[in-house]
Protein backbone atom coordinates (compact mmCIF):
# COMPACT_ATOMS: atom_id res chain seq x y z
CA MET A 1 28.04 46.08 -7.14
CA ALA A 2 31.67 46.86 -6.05
CA ASP A 3 31.10 44.55 -3.07
CA GLU A 4 31.08 41.36 -5.24
CA LYS A 5 33.51 38.44 -3.91
CA LYS A 6 35.85 37.33 -6.40
CA ILE A 7 36.53 33.85 -7.28
CA PRO A 8 40.07 33.12 -6.52
CA GLU A 9 41.80 31.70 -9.39
CA ILE A 10 43.19 28.09 -9.07
CA PRO A 11 46.88 28.47 -9.60
CA LYS A 12 48.19 26.02 -12.24
CA LYS A 13 50.30 22.92 -11.40
CA LYS A 14 53.90 22.57 -12.31
CA GLY A 15 54.89 20.31 -14.99
CA THR A 16 51.82 20.43 -16.95
CA VAL A 17 50.68 21.20 -20.30
CA ASP A 18 47.63 23.54 -21.42
CA LYS A 19 47.48 21.65 -24.96
CA MET A 20 48.03 18.35 -26.10
CA PRO A 21 51.05 17.49 -28.51
CA LYS A 22 49.84 16.69 -32.14
CA THR A 23 50.19 13.16 -33.24
CA GLU A 24 51.12 12.13 -36.10
CA THR A 25 48.51 10.64 -38.84
CA LYS A 26 49.39 7.91 -41.08
CA ILE A 27 47.29 7.46 -43.81
CA VAL A 28 48.48 3.85 -45.26
CA GLY A 29 45.89 3.99 -48.40
CA GLU A 30 42.33 2.91 -48.96
CA LYS A 31 41.32 0.00 -47.03
CA ALA A 32 38.89 -2.78 -49.11
CA PRO A 33 35.04 -2.84 -48.03
CA LYS A 34 34.88 -5.74 -45.75
CA VAL A 35 33.06 -9.14 -47.24
CA LYS A 36 30.87 -10.56 -44.60
CA ALA A 37 31.44 -14.09 -44.18
CA PRO A 38 28.70 -16.44 -45.01
CA LYS A 39 26.73 -17.57 -42.32
CA SER A 40 28.15 -21.06 -40.42
CA GLY A 41 26.49 -23.20 -38.39
CA THR A 42 26.34 -26.59 -37.24
CA ALA A 43 24.75 -30.19 -38.13
CA TYR A 44 23.88 -33.27 -36.26
CA VAL A 45 23.84 -36.35 -37.66
CA LEU A 46 22.80 -39.38 -36.17
CA LEU A 47 25.27 -42.70 -36.54
CA LYS A 48 23.04 -44.71 -34.04
CA ASN A 49 20.26 -44.80 -32.82
CA PHE A 50 19.36 -45.96 -28.90
CA ASP A 51 18.84 -49.30 -28.34
CA PRO A 52 17.09 -49.85 -25.09
CA ALA A 53 18.05 -53.96 -25.11
CA GLY A 54 21.36 -52.48 -25.17
CA GLY A 55 21.65 -52.71 -21.08
CA THR A 56 22.72 -49.20 -21.01
CA LYS A 57 20.47 -46.26 -19.43
CA MET A 58 19.88 -43.14 -21.05
CA PRO A 59 17.55 -40.18 -19.89
CA LEU A 60 14.40 -39.48 -21.47
CA GLN A 61 15.24 -36.14 -23.53
CA SER A 62 18.35 -37.33 -24.87
CA GLN A 63 16.08 -40.46 -26.39
CA GLN A 64 13.88 -37.54 -27.63
CA ILE A 65 16.61 -35.74 -29.45
CA LEU A 66 18.04 -39.07 -30.81
CA THR A 67 14.35 -39.78 -31.89
CA ILE A 68 14.24 -36.06 -33.90
CA LEU A 69 17.29 -37.15 -35.40
CA ALA A 70 16.15 -40.78 -36.55
CA ASN A 71 12.69 -38.98 -38.11
CA ALA A 72 15.02 -36.05 -40.27
CA GLU A 73 15.62 -36.50 -43.47
CA ASN A 74 18.93 -38.28 -44.21
CA GLN A 75 18.76 -38.35 -40.50
CA THR A 76 20.76 -34.59 -40.17
CA LEU A 77 19.62 -31.50 -39.11
CA GLU A 78 21.17 -28.09 -38.58
CA LYS A 79 21.01 -26.69 -34.69
CA SER A 80 18.34 -24.18 -35.62
CA ILE A 81 15.78 -26.87 -36.59
CA LEU A 82 16.70 -29.55 -34.12
CA LEU A 83 16.08 -26.83 -31.45
CA ALA A 84 12.82 -25.76 -32.88
CA LYS A 85 11.84 -29.47 -33.25
CA MET A 86 13.15 -30.30 -29.67
CA LYS A 87 10.68 -27.13 -28.40
CA ASP A 88 7.73 -29.58 -29.81
CA ILE A 89 8.92 -32.54 -28.22
CA VAL A 90 11.09 -31.90 -24.78
CA VAL A 91 9.31 -31.29 -21.72
CA THR A 92 11.57 -29.25 -19.57
CA ARG A 93 11.63 -25.75 -17.94
CA GLN A 94 14.99 -24.82 -18.83
CA PRO A 95 15.65 -23.31 -22.05
CA ILE A 96 16.03 -25.88 -24.70
CA GLU A 97 19.41 -24.98 -26.01
CA ARG A 98 20.55 -25.89 -22.51
CA ILE A 99 18.92 -29.33 -22.66
CA LEU A 100 21.08 -29.82 -26.09
CA ALA A 101 24.33 -28.13 -24.26
CA PHE A 102 23.61 -30.86 -21.25
CA TYR A 103 23.61 -33.89 -23.45
CA GLN A 104 25.87 -33.05 -26.66
CA PRO A 105 28.65 -34.05 -24.83
CA ARG A 106 27.28 -37.71 -23.61
CA LEU A 107 25.97 -38.24 -26.95
CA ILE A 108 29.06 -37.26 -29.08
CA SER A 109 31.09 -39.64 -27.07
CA GLY A 110 28.39 -42.65 -27.40
CA ASN A 111 28.85 -42.18 -31.00
CA TYR A 112 25.20 -41.61 -30.75
CA PHE A 113 25.69 -38.72 -33.36
CA LYS A 114 28.38 -36.24 -34.71
CA MET A 115 28.66 -32.80 -35.07
CA ILE A 116 29.89 -31.29 -38.48
CA PRO A 117 30.27 -27.48 -39.29
CA VAL A 118 28.18 -25.95 -42.36
CA ILE A 119 28.94 -23.19 -44.03
CA ALA A 120 26.69 -21.22 -46.01
CA GLU A 121 27.49 -20.74 -49.74
CA VAL A 122 28.45 -17.11 -51.40
CA LYS A 123 26.19 -15.58 -53.54
CA ALA A 124 27.30 -15.18 -56.89
CA ASP A 125 26.49 -11.58 -57.29
CA ALA A 126 28.42 -10.73 -54.29
CA PRO A 127 32.01 -10.12 -54.89
CA ALA A 128 34.97 -12.27 -53.57
CA ASN A 129 37.42 -11.11 -51.42
CA THR A 130 40.56 -12.22 -53.50
CA GLU A 131 42.82 -9.54 -51.95
CA ALA A 132 45.14 -10.78 -49.14
CA PRO A 133 45.05 -8.79 -45.86
CA ALA A 134 47.42 -6.42 -44.76
CA ALA A 135 50.11 -7.24 -42.78
């Protein structure tokens, strides 16, 4: 087996280093465990219902959204509940979220409903994050 062909060595490029230089690792201290923020969402509050005798035209789907809000307790619904009720009433080929997103600016600018933020309460047994974030 003396006739075996040797693989030629690839010459090293000039200016390269075989090993990366070591970087310093700084340990600042123990990090406090992250506390998950309470889940938040949006609630829709009906301000006025649509009056067909008022002279303005409104698409059927936006009228249905207002009817759902009018029939709700306190005329207020969270977004997830509103979307679930819309699936039963509003007939569409589009995703129901898209229908709400399409009519939402028109209904808000017409003062038919308003959106309010909803923040879930933190449970009493969960530790509160009282420490200030590190700068």
